[in-house]
Amino acid sequence: MDRPGGFSRQELMFLIGVPLAWAVLLLFHPSGEGDTIYQDISDKVTTWMVVHVGMMIFIPLMAVVVFVLLRGLESTAAQVSRVAVVIFAVFYGTYETLQGIGNGILAEQVNDLPAAERGTGSELIQDFAENIFARDFGVLSSIGGTAFLVAMLAAGIALKRGAGAPTSVLVLLGFAGILITAHPPPFGPTGLALFIAAVLMFQRSRSAGRTPAPAEPLA
């Protein structure tokens, strides 16, 4: 059954509020300027942990956002998007647990070591961060990131074919799918802004479609 109209006010607030809050959180993501993970986060452990604990909240929330976005659409593309976004939540969430929270906990423990032992601790953190599962572009992040891109593209196709969304919505969602999973700024916040733009553009197109045609003057 195709969507009969646009989003309710509550749905629109949710669809905009979640990515907006996530984008604000990602603005505080510590940037990597050192030679090792430990150098990047050793003096920013609290900020690092706050951002990545927040990520663990926003990743499943974003999956719910996609389900709301596709409310009432039962096409193959819509179903693919729903399945893909669940895969994203599971695999990307696990990656974030290891790479984000895991490294933060280890860095805090290394900070408590005597200065002479921190070099060894830093090497252990680097080894952990670069293992095939935890690292950037490793197994978990690659599966999760690819699944999110598929979810965004399939959602755009579903909205275009089943609800009359303009092609620009599909394009915006595609770019959002690429940028959001490359989450440190400017990539993540930019991708989330594109997602919000796609939602607003779709809502506007649906509202315009429901606008009654002007009555013809009586003869």
N, C-alpha and C. Protein backbone atom coordinates (compact mmCIF):
# COMPACT_ATOMS: atom_id res chain seq x y z
N MET A 1 0.85 -1.20 0.00
CA MET A 1 0.00 0.00 0.00
C MET A 1 0.87 1.24 0.00
N ASP A 2 0.68 2.15 -0.94
CA ASP A 2 1.50 3.35 -1.03
C ASP A 2 1.11 4.35 0.03
N ARG A 3 2.07 5.18 0.37
CA ARG A 3 1.83 6.23 1.36
C ARG A 3 0.74 7.17 0.86
N PRO A 4 -0.32 7.42 1.66
CA PRO A 4 -1.39 8.28 1.19
C PRO A 4 -1.04 9.75 1.23
N GLY A 5 -0.09 10.15 2.06
CA GLY A 5 0.25 11.56 2.18
C GLY A 5 1.63 11.73 2.77
N GLY A 6 1.91 12.92 3.26
CA GLY A 6 3.20 13.19 3.86
C GLY A 6 3.25 12.73 5.30
N PHE A 7 4.26 13.20 6.02
CA PHE A 7 4.45 12.81 7.40
C PHE A 7 3.61 13.68 8.34
N SER A 8 3.23 13.10 9.47
CA SER A 8 2.59 13.90 10.50
C SER A 8 3.64 14.81 11.13
N ARG A 9 3.19 15.76 11.94
CA ARG A 9 4.13 16.67 12.58
C ARG A 9 5.09 15.92 13.49
N GLN A 10 4.57 14.93 14.21
CA GLN A 10 5.41 14.16 15.12
C GLN A 10 6.44 13.34 14.35
N GLU A 11 6.02 12.73 13.24
CA GLU A 11 6.96 11.96 12.41
C GLU A 11 8.04 12.87 11.83
N LEU A 12 7.64 14.03 11.35
CA LEU A 12 8.61 14.95 10.76
C LEU A 12 9.62 15.42 11.80
N MET A 13 9.15 15.70 13.01
CA MET A 13 10.06 16.10 14.08
C MET A 13 11.07 14.99 14.38
N PHE A 14 10.61 13.75 14.36
CA PHE A 14 11.50 12.62 14.62
C PHE A 14 12.50 12.45 13.48
N LEU A 15 12.01 12.53 12.24
CA LEU A 15 12.87 12.34 11.07
C LEU A 15 13.94 13.41 10.95
N ILE A 16 13.64 14.59 11.44
CA ILE A 16 14.62 15.69 11.41
C ILE A 16 15.44 15.73 12.70
N GLY A 17 14.77 15.50 13.84
CA GLY A 17 15.43 15.65 15.13
C GLY A 17 16.56 14.67 15.36
N VAL A 18 16.36 13.40 14.98
CA VAL A 18 17.39 12.38 15.22
C VAL A 18 18.66 12.69 14.43
N PRO A 19 18.60 12.86 13.10
CA PRO A 19 19.84 13.18 12.38
C PRO A 19 20.44 14.52 12.77
N LEU A 20 19.61 15.50 13.14
CA LEU A 20 20.14 16.79 13.56
C LEU A 20 20.93 16.65 14.85
N ALA A 21 20.36 15.93 15.83
CA ALA A 21 21.07 15.73 17.10
C ALA A 21 22.35 14.93 16.89
N TRP A 22 22.30 13.93 16.01
CA TRP A 22 23.48 13.13 15.72
C TRP A 22 24.56 13.99 15.07
N ALA A 23 24.16 14.87 14.15
CA ALA A 23 25.13 15.76 13.49
C ALA A 23 25.81 16.67 14.50
N VAL A 24 25.05 17.21 15.45
CA VAL A 24 25.63 18.08 16.48
C VAL A 24 26.63 17.29 17.32
N LEU A 25 26.27 16.06 17.69
CA LEU A 25 27.18 15.22 18.47
C LEU A 25 28.49 14.99 17.72
N LEU A 26 28.40 14.70 16.42
CA LEU A 26 29.60 14.38 15.64
C LEU A 26 30.52 15.58 15.45
N LEU A 27 30.00 16.78 15.64
CA LEU A 27 30.86 17.96 15.56
C LEU A 27 31.93 17.95 16.65
N PHE A 28 31.69 17.19 17.72
CA PHE A 28 32.63 17.12 18.83
C PHE A 28 33.56 15.91 18.72
N HIS A 29 33.46 15.15 17.63
CA HIS A 29 34.30 13.97 17.44
C HIS A 29 35.76 14.40 17.35
N PRO A 30 36.63 13.89 18.24
CA PRO A 30 38.05 14.27 18.16
C PRO A 30 38.65 13.91 16.80
N SER A 31 39.46 14.81 16.28
CA SER A 31 40.09 14.55 14.99
C SER A 31 41.40 13.81 15.19
N GLY A 32 41.78 13.01 14.19
CA GLY A 32 43.01 12.24 14.27
C GLY A 32 44.18 13.00 13.67
N GLU A 33 45.09 13.47 14.51
CA GLU A 33 46.24 14.23 14.03
C GLU A 33 47.56 13.59 14.42
N GLY A 34 47.53 12.57 15.28
CA GLY A 34 48.75 11.91 15.72
C GLY A 34 49.10 10.71 14.86
N ASP A 35 50.19 10.07 15.23
CA ASP A 35 50.64 8.89 14.48
C ASP A 35 49.94 7.62 14.95
N THR A 36 49.35 7.64 16.15
CA THR A 36 48.68 6.46 16.69
C THR A 36 47.32 6.85 17.25
N ILE A 37 46.47 5.86 17.43
CA ILE A 37 45.17 6.09 18.04
C ILE A 37 45.32 6.71 19.42
N TYR A 38 46.26 6.18 20.19
CA TYR A 38 46.45 6.69 21.55
C TYR A 38 46.83 8.17 21.56
N GLN A 39 47.70 8.58 20.65
CA GLN A 39 48.06 10.00 20.57
C GLN A 39 46.86 10.86 20.21
N ASP A 40 45.97 10.32 19.40
CA ASP A 40 44.80 11.08 18.98
C ASP A 40 43.83 11.32 20.13
N ILE A 41 43.70 10.36 21.04
CA ILE A 41 42.63 10.44 22.03
C ILE A 41 43.10 10.50 23.48
N SER A 42 44.40 10.43 23.72
CA SER A 42 44.88 10.33 25.10
C SER A 42 44.46 11.50 25.97
N ASP A 43 44.39 12.71 25.40
CA ASP A 43 43.98 13.88 26.17
C ASP A 43 42.53 14.28 25.89
N LYS A 44 41.82 13.41 25.19
CA LYS A 44 40.42 13.71 24.85
C LYS A 44 39.53 12.50 25.13
N VAL A 45 39.93 11.69 26.11
CA VAL A 45 39.22 10.43 26.34
C VAL A 45 37.76 10.66 26.69
N THR A 46 37.48 11.65 27.54
CA THR A 46 36.09 11.90 27.94
C THR A 46 35.23 12.28 26.74
N THR A 47 35.73 13.20 25.93
CA THR A 47 34.98 13.61 24.74
C THR A 47 34.80 12.43 23.79
N TRP A 48 35.87 11.67 23.60
CA TRP A 48 35.82 10.49 22.73
C TRP A 48 34.75 9.51 23.20
N MET A 49 34.70 9.25 24.50
CA MET A 49 33.73 8.30 25.03
C MET A 49 32.30 8.82 24.92
N VAL A 50 32.11 10.11 25.20
CA VAL A 50 30.76 10.69 25.10
C VAL A 50 30.25 10.56 23.67
N VAL A 51 31.10 10.90 22.70
CA VAL A 51 30.68 10.84 21.29
C VAL A 51 30.33 9.41 20.90
N HIS A 52 31.16 8.45 21.31
CA HIS A 52 30.94 7.07 20.84
C HIS A 52 29.85 6.34 21.63
N VAL A 53 29.65 6.70 22.87
CA VAL A 53 28.46 6.17 23.57
C VAL A 53 27.21 6.73 22.91
N GLY A 54 27.26 8.02 22.53
CA GLY A 54 26.14 8.61 21.80
C GLY A 54 25.90 7.93 20.48
N MET A 55 26.99 7.53 19.80
CA MET A 55 26.85 6.80 18.55
C MET A 55 26.05 5.52 18.75
N MET A 56 26.25 4.85 19.87
CA MET A 56 25.54 3.61 20.14
C MET A 56 24.04 3.84 20.32
N ILE A 57 23.67 5.07 20.62
CA ILE A 57 22.25 5.42 20.72
C ILE A 57 21.71 5.79 19.34
N PHE A 58 22.48 6.59 18.60
CA PHE A 58 21.98 7.12 17.34
C PHE A 58 21.98 6.09 16.20
N ILE A 59 22.86 5.10 16.24
CA ILE A 59 22.86 4.09 15.18
C ILE A 59 21.53 3.34 15.11
N PRO A 60 21.04 2.77 16.22
CA PRO A 60 19.71 2.12 16.13
C PRO A 60 18.58 3.12 15.90
N LEU A 61 18.72 4.33 16.45
CA LEU A 61 17.68 5.35 16.20
C LEU A 61 17.58 5.68 14.72
N MET A 62 18.73 5.69 14.04
CA MET A 62 18.71 5.98 12.60
C MET A 62 18.01 4.86 11.84
N ALA A 63 18.14 3.63 12.33
CA ALA A 63 17.41 2.53 11.70
C ALA A 63 15.91 2.75 11.85
N VAL A 64 15.48 3.21 13.01
CA VAL A 64 14.06 3.50 13.23
C VAL A 64 13.61 4.63 12.31
N VAL A 65 14.48 5.63 12.12
CA VAL A 65 14.17 6.74 11.22
C VAL A 65 13.85 6.22 9.82
N VAL A 66 14.64 5.28 9.34
CA VAL A 66 14.42 4.73 8.00
C VAL A 66 13.07 4.00 7.95
N PHE A 67 12.74 3.27 9.00
CA PHE A 67 11.44 2.59 9.03
C PHE A 67 10.30 3.61 8.97
N VAL A 68 10.43 4.72 9.69
CA VAL A 68 9.40 5.76 9.65
C VAL A 68 9.35 6.40 8.26
N LEU A 69 10.52 6.64 7.69
CA LEU A 69 10.58 7.24 6.35
C LEU A 69 9.83 6.40 5.32
N LEU A 70 9.87 5.08 5.51
CA LEU A 70 9.25 4.16 4.55
C LEU A 70 7.87 3.69 4.97
N ARG A 71 7.29 4.35 5.94
CA ARG A 71 5.98 3.94 6.44
C ARG A 71 4.97 3.85 5.28
N GLY A 72 4.26 2.72 5.22
CA GLY A 72 3.21 2.54 4.22
C GLY A 72 3.70 2.05 2.87
N LEU A 73 5.01 1.91 2.69
CA LEU A 73 5.55 1.43 1.42
C LEU A 73 5.97 -0.03 1.56
N GLU A 74 5.48 -0.88 0.69
CA GLU A 74 5.73 -2.33 0.79
C GLU A 74 6.38 -2.89 -0.47
N SER A 75 7.02 -2.04 -1.25
CA SER A 75 7.69 -2.51 -2.46
C SER A 75 8.94 -3.30 -2.11
N THR A 76 9.49 -3.95 -3.13
CA THR A 76 10.74 -4.70 -2.93
C THR A 76 11.85 -3.78 -2.45
N ALA A 77 11.95 -2.58 -3.05
CA ALA A 77 12.98 -1.63 -2.65
C ALA A 77 12.83 -1.23 -1.19
N ALA A 78 11.59 -1.02 -0.76
CA ALA A 78 11.35 -0.65 0.65
C ALA A 78 11.76 -1.78 1.58
N GLN A 79 11.47 -3.00 1.21
CA GLN A 79 11.85 -4.15 2.04
C GLN A 79 13.37 -4.33 2.09
N VAL A 80 14.02 -4.13 0.95
CA VAL A 80 15.48 -4.20 0.91
C VAL A 80 16.08 -3.15 1.83
N SER A 81 15.53 -1.95 1.79
CA SER A 81 16.04 -0.88 2.65
C SER A 81 15.89 -1.22 4.13
N ARG A 82 14.75 -1.78 4.50
CA ARG A 82 14.53 -2.14 5.91
C ARG A 82 15.51 -3.21 6.38
N VAL A 83 15.70 -4.24 5.54
CA VAL A 83 16.64 -5.30 5.90
C VAL A 83 18.06 -4.75 5.99
N ALA A 84 18.44 -3.92 5.02
CA ALA A 84 19.80 -3.38 4.98
C ALA A 84 20.08 -2.48 6.17
N VAL A 85 19.11 -1.71 6.60
CA VAL A 85 19.36 -0.79 7.71
C VAL A 85 19.48 -1.54 9.04
N VAL A 86 18.82 -2.69 9.15
CA VAL A 86 19.01 -3.54 10.33
C VAL A 86 20.42 -4.12 10.34
N ILE A 87 20.89 -4.57 9.16
CA ILE A 87 22.27 -5.07 9.05
C ILE A 87 23.25 -3.96 9.42
N PHE A 88 22.99 -2.76 8.95
CA PHE A 88 23.82 -1.61 9.32
C PHE A 88 23.87 -1.43 10.83
N ALA A 89 22.73 -1.45 11.47
CA ALA A 89 22.68 -1.22 12.92
C ALA A 89 23.48 -2.27 13.68
N VAL A 90 23.39 -3.52 13.24
CA VAL A 90 24.09 -4.61 13.94
C VAL A 90 25.59 -4.52 13.71
N PHE A 91 26.01 -4.46 12.44
CA PHE A 91 27.45 -4.53 12.13
C PHE A 91 28.16 -3.22 12.42
N TYR A 92 27.55 -2.11 12.06
CA TYR A 92 28.21 -0.83 12.32
C TYR A 92 28.20 -0.52 13.81
N GLY A 93 27.15 -0.93 14.49
CA GLY A 93 27.11 -0.73 15.93
C GLY A 93 28.18 -1.55 16.63
N THR A 94 28.42 -2.77 16.17
CA THR A 94 29.49 -3.60 16.75
C THR A 94 30.85 -2.99 16.47
N TYR A 95 31.05 -2.50 15.25
CA TYR A 95 32.30 -1.82 14.90
C TYR A 95 32.54 -0.63 15.81
N GLU A 96 31.51 0.18 16.03
CA GLU A 96 31.65 1.35 16.89
C GLU A 96 31.96 0.95 18.33
N THR A 97 31.40 -0.16 18.78
CA THR A 97 31.69 -0.64 20.13
C THR A 97 33.18 -0.95 20.27
N LEU A 98 33.74 -1.62 19.28
CA LEU A 98 35.15 -1.99 19.33
C LEU A 98 36.06 -0.79 19.09
N GLN A 99 35.84 -0.09 17.99
CA GLN A 99 36.73 0.99 17.60
C GLN A 99 36.56 2.23 18.48
N GLY A 100 35.35 2.53 18.84
CA GLY A 100 35.11 3.73 19.63
C GLY A 100 35.22 3.50 21.13
N ILE A 101 34.28 2.73 21.67
CA ILE A 101 34.25 2.52 23.11
C ILE A 101 35.45 1.70 23.58
N GLY A 102 35.80 0.65 22.82
CA GLY A 102 36.94 -0.20 23.20
C GLY A 102 38.23 0.59 23.29
N ASN A 103 38.52 1.39 22.26
CA ASN A 103 39.75 2.18 22.28
C ASN A 103 39.73 3.25 23.37
N GLY A 104 38.56 3.80 23.64
CA GLY A 104 38.45 4.79 24.70
C GLY A 104 38.77 4.21 26.07
N ILE A 105 38.23 3.02 26.33
CA ILE A 105 38.50 2.35 27.60
C ILE A 105 39.98 2.02 27.73
N LEU A 106 40.58 1.50 26.66
CA LEU A 106 42.00 1.16 26.69
C LEU A 106 42.86 2.40 26.88
N ALA A 107 42.52 3.50 26.21
CA ALA A 107 43.30 4.73 26.34
C ALA A 107 43.24 5.26 27.77
N GLU A 108 42.09 5.16 28.39
CA GLU A 108 41.96 5.61 29.78
C GLU A 108 42.84 4.78 30.70
N GLN A 109 42.91 3.48 30.44
CA GLN A 109 43.77 2.61 31.25
C GLN A 109 45.24 2.92 31.02
N VAL A 110 45.64 3.19 29.79
CA VAL A 110 47.03 3.53 29.51
C VAL A 110 47.40 4.86 30.16
N ASN A 111 46.47 5.80 30.20
CA ASN A 111 46.72 7.09 30.87
C ASN A 111 47.09 6.90 32.33
N ASP A 112 46.57 5.84 32.93
CA ASP A 112 46.84 5.58 34.35
C ASP A 112 48.18 4.88 34.59
N LEU A 113 48.84 4.45 33.53
CA LEU A 113 50.13 3.78 33.66
C LEU A 113 51.25 4.79 33.91
N PRO A 114 52.34 4.35 34.51
CA PRO A 114 53.52 5.22 34.60
C PRO A 114 53.97 5.64 33.20
N ALA A 115 54.56 6.82 33.10
CA ALA A 115 54.95 7.36 31.79
C ALA A 115 55.84 6.41 31.01
N ALA A 116 56.69 5.68 31.69
CA ALA A 116 57.63 4.77 31.02
C ALA A 116 56.93 3.60 30.35
N GLU A 117 55.72 3.29 30.79
CA GLU A 117 55.00 2.13 30.26
C GLU A 117 53.96 2.51 29.21
N ARG A 118 53.76 3.79 29.01
CA ARG A 118 52.69 4.20 28.09
C ARG A 118 53.00 3.90 26.64
N GLY A 119 54.29 3.86 26.30
CA GLY A 119 54.65 3.51 24.92
C GLY A 119 54.19 2.11 24.57
N THR A 120 54.40 1.18 25.47
CA THR A 120 53.96 -0.20 25.23
C THR A 120 52.44 -0.26 25.17
N GLY A 121 51.77 0.48 26.07
CA GLY A 121 50.31 0.52 26.06
C GLY A 121 49.76 1.09 24.78
N SER A 122 50.44 2.12 24.27
CA SER A 122 50.03 2.73 23.00
C SER A 122 50.12 1.74 21.86
N GLU A 123 51.17 0.93 21.85
CA GLU A 123 51.33 -0.07 20.80
C GLU A 123 50.24 -1.14 20.88
N LEU A 124 49.86 -1.50 22.09
CA LEU A 124 48.80 -2.49 22.25
C LEU A 124 47.47 -1.95 21.74
N ILE A 125 47.19 -0.68 22.03
CA ILE A 125 45.96 -0.06 21.52
C ILE A 125 45.97 -0.02 20.00
N GLN A 126 47.12 0.31 19.41
CA GLN A 126 47.23 0.38 17.96
C GLN A 126 46.99 -1.00 17.34
N ASP A 127 47.55 -2.03 17.95
CA ASP A 127 47.34 -3.39 17.45
C ASP A 127 45.86 -3.76 17.50
N PHE A 128 45.20 -3.38 18.61
CA PHE A 128 43.77 -3.67 18.74
C PHE A 128 42.97 -2.90 17.69
N ALA A 129 43.30 -1.62 17.50
CA ALA A 129 42.55 -0.77 16.58
C ALA A 129 42.72 -1.19 15.13
N GLU A 130 43.82 -1.88 14.83
CA GLU A 130 44.09 -2.24 13.44
C GLU A 130 43.75 -3.69 13.12
N ASN A 131 43.12 -4.41 14.07
CA ASN A 131 42.75 -5.78 13.74
C ASN A 131 41.63 -5.78 12.70
N ILE A 132 41.47 -6.86 12.01
CA ILE A 132 40.61 -6.92 10.83
C ILE A 132 39.14 -6.62 11.13
N PHE A 133 38.74 -6.82 12.38
CA PHE A 133 37.34 -6.55 12.73
C PHE A 133 37.13 -5.12 13.21
N ALA A 134 38.05 -4.60 14.03
CA ALA A 134 37.84 -3.30 14.67
C ALA A 134 38.25 -2.12 13.80
N ARG A 135 39.15 -2.32 12.84
CA ARG A 135 39.73 -1.19 12.13
C ARG A 135 38.74 -0.54 11.17
N ASP A 136 39.07 0.70 10.80
CA ASP A 136 38.31 1.37 9.74
C ASP A 136 38.48 0.58 8.45
N PHE A 137 37.40 0.43 7.72
CA PHE A 137 37.37 -0.35 6.48
C PHE A 137 37.72 -1.82 6.73
N GLY A 138 37.49 -2.28 7.96
CA GLY A 138 37.62 -3.68 8.28
C GLY A 138 36.33 -4.42 7.98
N VAL A 139 36.21 -5.64 8.47
CA VAL A 139 35.05 -6.48 8.16
C VAL A 139 33.75 -5.81 8.64
N LEU A 140 33.71 -5.42 9.90
CA LEU A 140 32.47 -4.90 10.47
C LEU A 140 32.07 -3.57 9.86
N SER A 141 33.01 -2.64 9.76
CA SER A 141 32.67 -1.32 9.22
C SER A 141 32.32 -1.39 7.75
N SER A 142 32.98 -2.28 7.00
CA SER A 142 32.69 -2.41 5.57
C SER A 142 31.29 -2.98 5.34
N ILE A 143 30.95 -4.03 6.10
CA ILE A 143 29.60 -4.60 5.96
C ILE A 143 28.55 -3.59 6.39
N GLY A 144 28.77 -2.96 7.55
CA GLY A 144 27.81 -1.98 8.04
C GLY A 144 27.66 -0.78 7.13
N GLY A 145 28.80 -0.25 6.66
CA GLY A 145 28.75 0.92 5.78
C GLY A 145 28.09 0.62 4.45
N THR A 146 28.41 -0.54 3.86
CA THR A 146 27.78 -0.93 2.60
C THR A 146 26.28 -1.13 2.78
N ALA A 147 25.90 -1.75 3.88
CA ALA A 147 24.47 -1.96 4.15
C ALA A 147 23.74 -0.64 4.27
N PHE A 148 24.37 0.36 4.90
CA PHE A 148 23.69 1.66 5.04
C PHE A 148 23.54 2.35 3.70
N LEU A 149 24.57 2.26 2.85
CA LEU A 149 24.45 2.84 1.52
C LEU A 149 23.33 2.17 0.74
N VAL A 150 23.25 0.84 0.82
CA VAL A 150 22.16 0.11 0.16
C VAL A 150 20.81 0.56 0.71
N ALA A 151 20.75 0.71 2.04
CA ALA A 151 19.48 1.13 2.66
C ALA A 151 19.05 2.50 2.16
N MET A 152 19.99 3.43 2.03
CA MET A 152 19.65 4.78 1.57
C MET A 152 19.22 4.78 0.10
N LEU A 153 19.96 4.06 -0.74
CA LEU A 153 19.60 4.01 -2.16
C LEU A 153 18.26 3.32 -2.37
N ALA A 154 18.05 2.22 -1.67
CA ALA A 154 16.78 1.50 -1.81
C ALA A 154 15.63 2.34 -1.28
N ALA A 155 15.86 3.09 -0.20
CA ALA A 155 14.82 3.97 0.33
C ALA A 155 14.47 5.05 -0.69
N GLY A 156 15.50 5.61 -1.33
CA GLY A 156 15.25 6.62 -2.35
C GLY A 156 14.45 6.07 -3.53
N ILE A 157 14.79 4.85 -3.95
CA ILE A 157 14.04 4.21 -5.04
C ILE A 157 12.60 3.95 -4.63
N ALA A 158 12.42 3.46 -3.40
CA ALA A 158 11.06 3.18 -2.91
C ALA A 158 10.23 4.44 -2.84
N LEU A 159 10.82 5.53 -2.36
CA LEU A 159 10.08 6.79 -2.26
C LEU A 159 9.76 7.36 -3.63
N LYS A 160 10.68 7.20 -4.57
CA LYS A 160 10.46 7.72 -5.93
C LYS A 160 9.37 6.94 -6.65
N ARG A 161 9.46 5.60 -6.58
CA ARG A 161 8.51 4.78 -7.32
C ARG A 161 7.16 4.65 -6.62
N GLY A 162 7.18 4.61 -5.29
CA GLY A 162 5.94 4.35 -4.58
C GLY A 162 5.25 5.56 -4.02
N ALA A 163 5.98 6.69 -3.92
CA ALA A 163 5.36 7.87 -3.32
C ALA A 163 5.63 9.14 -4.11
N GLY A 164 6.17 9.00 -5.31
CA GLY A 164 6.34 10.14 -6.18
C GLY A 164 7.41 11.12 -5.78
N ALA A 165 8.40 10.67 -5.01
CA ALA A 165 9.49 11.57 -4.61
C ALA A 165 10.30 12.00 -5.82
N PRO A 166 10.79 13.24 -5.84
CA PRO A 166 11.64 13.66 -6.97
C PRO A 166 12.97 12.92 -6.96
N THR A 167 13.62 12.88 -8.12
CA THR A 167 14.91 12.20 -8.23
C THR A 167 15.94 12.78 -7.28
N SER A 168 15.83 14.06 -6.98
CA SER A 168 16.78 14.72 -6.09
C SER A 168 16.79 14.07 -4.71
N VAL A 169 15.66 13.53 -4.27
CA VAL A 169 15.60 12.84 -2.97
C VAL A 169 16.49 11.60 -3.01
N LEU A 170 16.41 10.84 -4.08
CA LEU A 170 17.25 9.65 -4.24
C LEU A 170 18.73 10.04 -4.25
N VAL A 171 19.07 11.10 -4.96
CA VAL A 171 20.47 11.54 -5.04
C VAL A 171 20.97 11.96 -3.66
N LEU A 172 20.18 12.74 -2.95
CA LEU A 172 20.59 13.21 -1.62
C LEU A 172 20.78 12.03 -0.65
N LEU A 173 19.86 11.08 -0.71
CA LEU A 173 19.98 9.92 0.18
C LEU A 173 21.22 9.09 -0.18
N GLY A 174 21.54 8.99 -1.46
CA GLY A 174 22.74 8.26 -1.87
C GLY A 174 24.01 8.88 -1.30
N PHE A 175 24.14 10.21 -1.42
CA PHE A 175 25.31 10.89 -0.86
C PHE A 175 25.31 10.79 0.66
N ALA A 176 24.13 10.87 1.27
CA ALA A 176 24.04 10.73 2.73
C ALA A 176 24.54 9.36 3.16
N GLY A 177 24.20 8.34 2.40
CA GLY A 177 24.63 6.98 2.73
C GLY A 177 26.13 6.82 2.69
N ILE A 178 26.80 7.55 1.81
CA ILE A 178 28.26 7.49 1.73
C ILE A 178 28.90 8.25 2.89
N LEU A 179 28.39 9.44 3.19
CA LEU A 179 29.05 10.34 4.13
C LEU A 179 28.78 10.01 5.60
N ILE A 180 27.59 9.52 5.91
CA ILE A 180 27.24 9.33 7.32
C ILE A 180 28.13 8.29 7.98
N THR A 181 28.45 7.20 7.28
CA THR A 181 29.26 6.17 7.91
C THR A 181 30.73 6.56 7.97
N ALA A 182 31.16 7.57 7.20
CA ALA A 182 32.49 8.16 7.39
C ALA A 182 32.31 9.29 8.40
N HIS A 183 31.98 8.93 9.63
CA HIS A 183 31.27 9.81 10.55
C HIS A 183 32.01 11.02 11.11
N PRO A 184 33.36 11.03 11.28
CA PRO A 184 33.98 12.24 11.83
C PRO A 184 33.70 13.45 10.94
N PRO A 185 33.66 14.66 11.54
CA PRO A 185 33.40 15.84 10.72
C PRO A 185 34.54 16.09 9.74
N PRO A 186 34.23 16.64 8.56
CA PRO A 186 32.93 17.18 8.15
C PRO A 186 32.00 16.17 7.51
N PHE A 187 32.45 14.92 7.37
CA PHE A 187 31.69 13.96 6.56
C PHE A 187 30.35 13.59 7.18
N GLY A 188 30.35 13.10 8.42
CA GLY A 188 29.12 12.67 9.06
C GLY A 188 28.08 13.77 9.16
N PRO A 189 28.43 14.95 9.73
CA PRO A 189 27.44 16.02 9.80
C PRO A 189 26.91 16.45 8.44
N THR A 190 27.78 16.47 7.43
CA THR A 190 27.32 16.83 6.09
C THR A 190 26.33 15.81 5.56
N GLY A 191 26.63 14.52 5.74
CA GLY A 191 25.72 13.48 5.29
C GLY A 191 24.37 13.55 5.99
N LEU A 192 24.39 13.83 7.29
CA LEU A 192 23.13 13.93 8.04
C LEU A 192 22.33 15.16 7.60
N ALA A 193 23.03 16.24 7.25
CA ALA A 193 22.34 17.42 6.72
C ALA A 193 21.68 17.09 5.37
N LEU A 194 22.36 16.31 4.55
CA LEU A 194 21.77 15.90 3.27
C LEU A 194 20.55 15.01 3.49
N PHE A 195 20.61 14.15 4.50
CA PHE A 195 19.45 13.31 4.81
C PHE A 195 18.26 14.18 5.20
N ILE A 196 18.50 15.16 6.06
CA ILE A 196 17.42 16.07 6.46
C ILE A 196 16.86 16.80 5.25
N ALA A 197 17.74 17.25 4.36
CA ALA A 197 17.28 17.94 3.16
C ALA A 197 16.40 17.04 2.31
N ALA A 198 16.77 15.75 2.22
CA ALA A 198 15.97 14.80 1.44
C ALA A 198 14.58 14.62 2.06
N VAL A 199 14.53 14.53 3.38
CA VAL A 199 13.24 14.39 4.07
C VAL A 199 12.36 15.61 3.82
N LEU A 200 12.93 16.80 3.95
CA LEU A 200 12.16 18.03 3.75
C LEU A 200 11.71 18.17 2.29
N MET A 201 12.57 17.77 1.37
CA MET A 201 12.21 17.85 -0.05
C MET A 201 11.07 16.88 -0.36
N PHE A 202 11.13 15.68 0.22
CA PHE A 202 10.06 14.72 0.00
C PHE A 202 8.76 15.22 0.60
N GLN A 203 8.82 15.74 1.83
CA GLN A 203 7.62 16.26 2.49
C GLN A 203 6.99 17.39 1.68
N ARG A 204 7.85 18.25 1.14
CA ARG A 204 7.35 19.36 0.33
C ARG A 204 6.67 18.85 -0.93
N SER A 205 7.26 17.82 -1.55
CA SER A 205 6.67 17.28 -2.77
C SER A 205 5.31 16.64 -2.49
N ARG A 206 5.18 15.98 -1.33
CA ARG A 206 3.90 15.37 -0.98
C ARG A 206 2.87 16.43 -0.64
N SER A 207 3.30 17.49 0.05
CA SER A 207 2.37 18.57 0.39
C SER A 207 1.87 19.26 -0.86
N ALA A 208 2.79 19.47 -1.82
CA ALA A 208 2.39 20.10 -3.09
C ALA A 208 1.42 19.22 -3.85
N GLY A 209 1.62 17.90 -3.76
CA GLY A 209 0.74 16.97 -4.46
C GLY A 209 -0.67 16.95 -3.89
N ARG A 210 -0.78 17.32 -2.59
CA ARG A 210 -2.10 17.31 -1.97
C ARG A 210 -2.81 18.65 -2.08
N THR A 211 -2.12 19.68 -2.63
CA THR A 211 -2.73 20.99 -2.74
C THR A 211 -3.85 20.95 -3.78
N PRO A 212 -5.08 21.30 -3.41
CA PRO A 212 -6.17 21.24 -4.37
C PRO A 212 -5.99 22.23 -5.51
N ALA A 213 -6.41 21.82 -6.69
CA ALA A 213 -6.34 22.72 -7.83
C ALA A 213 -7.34 23.84 -7.67
N PRO A 214 -7.03 25.07 -8.13
CA PRO A 214 -7.98 26.18 -8.00
C PRO A 214 -9.25 25.91 -8.79
N ALA A 215 -10.36 26.33 -8.22
CA ALA A 215 -11.65 26.11 -8.87
C ALA A 215 -11.77 26.96 -10.12
N GLU A 216 -12.38 26.40 -11.15
CA GLU A 216 -12.56 27.17 -12.38
C GLU A 216 -13.70 28.15 -12.19
N PRO A 217 -13.55 29.33 -12.74
CA PRO A 217 -14.62 30.34 -12.59
C PRO A 217 -15.91 29.87 -13.27
N LEU A 218 -17.01 30.24 -12.67
CA LEU A 218 -18.32 29.90 -13.26
C LEU A 218 -18.54 30.68 -14.52
N ALA A 219 -19.16 30.04 -15.48
CA ALA A 219 -19.43 30.73 -16.76
C ALA A 219 -20.51 31.78 -16.54
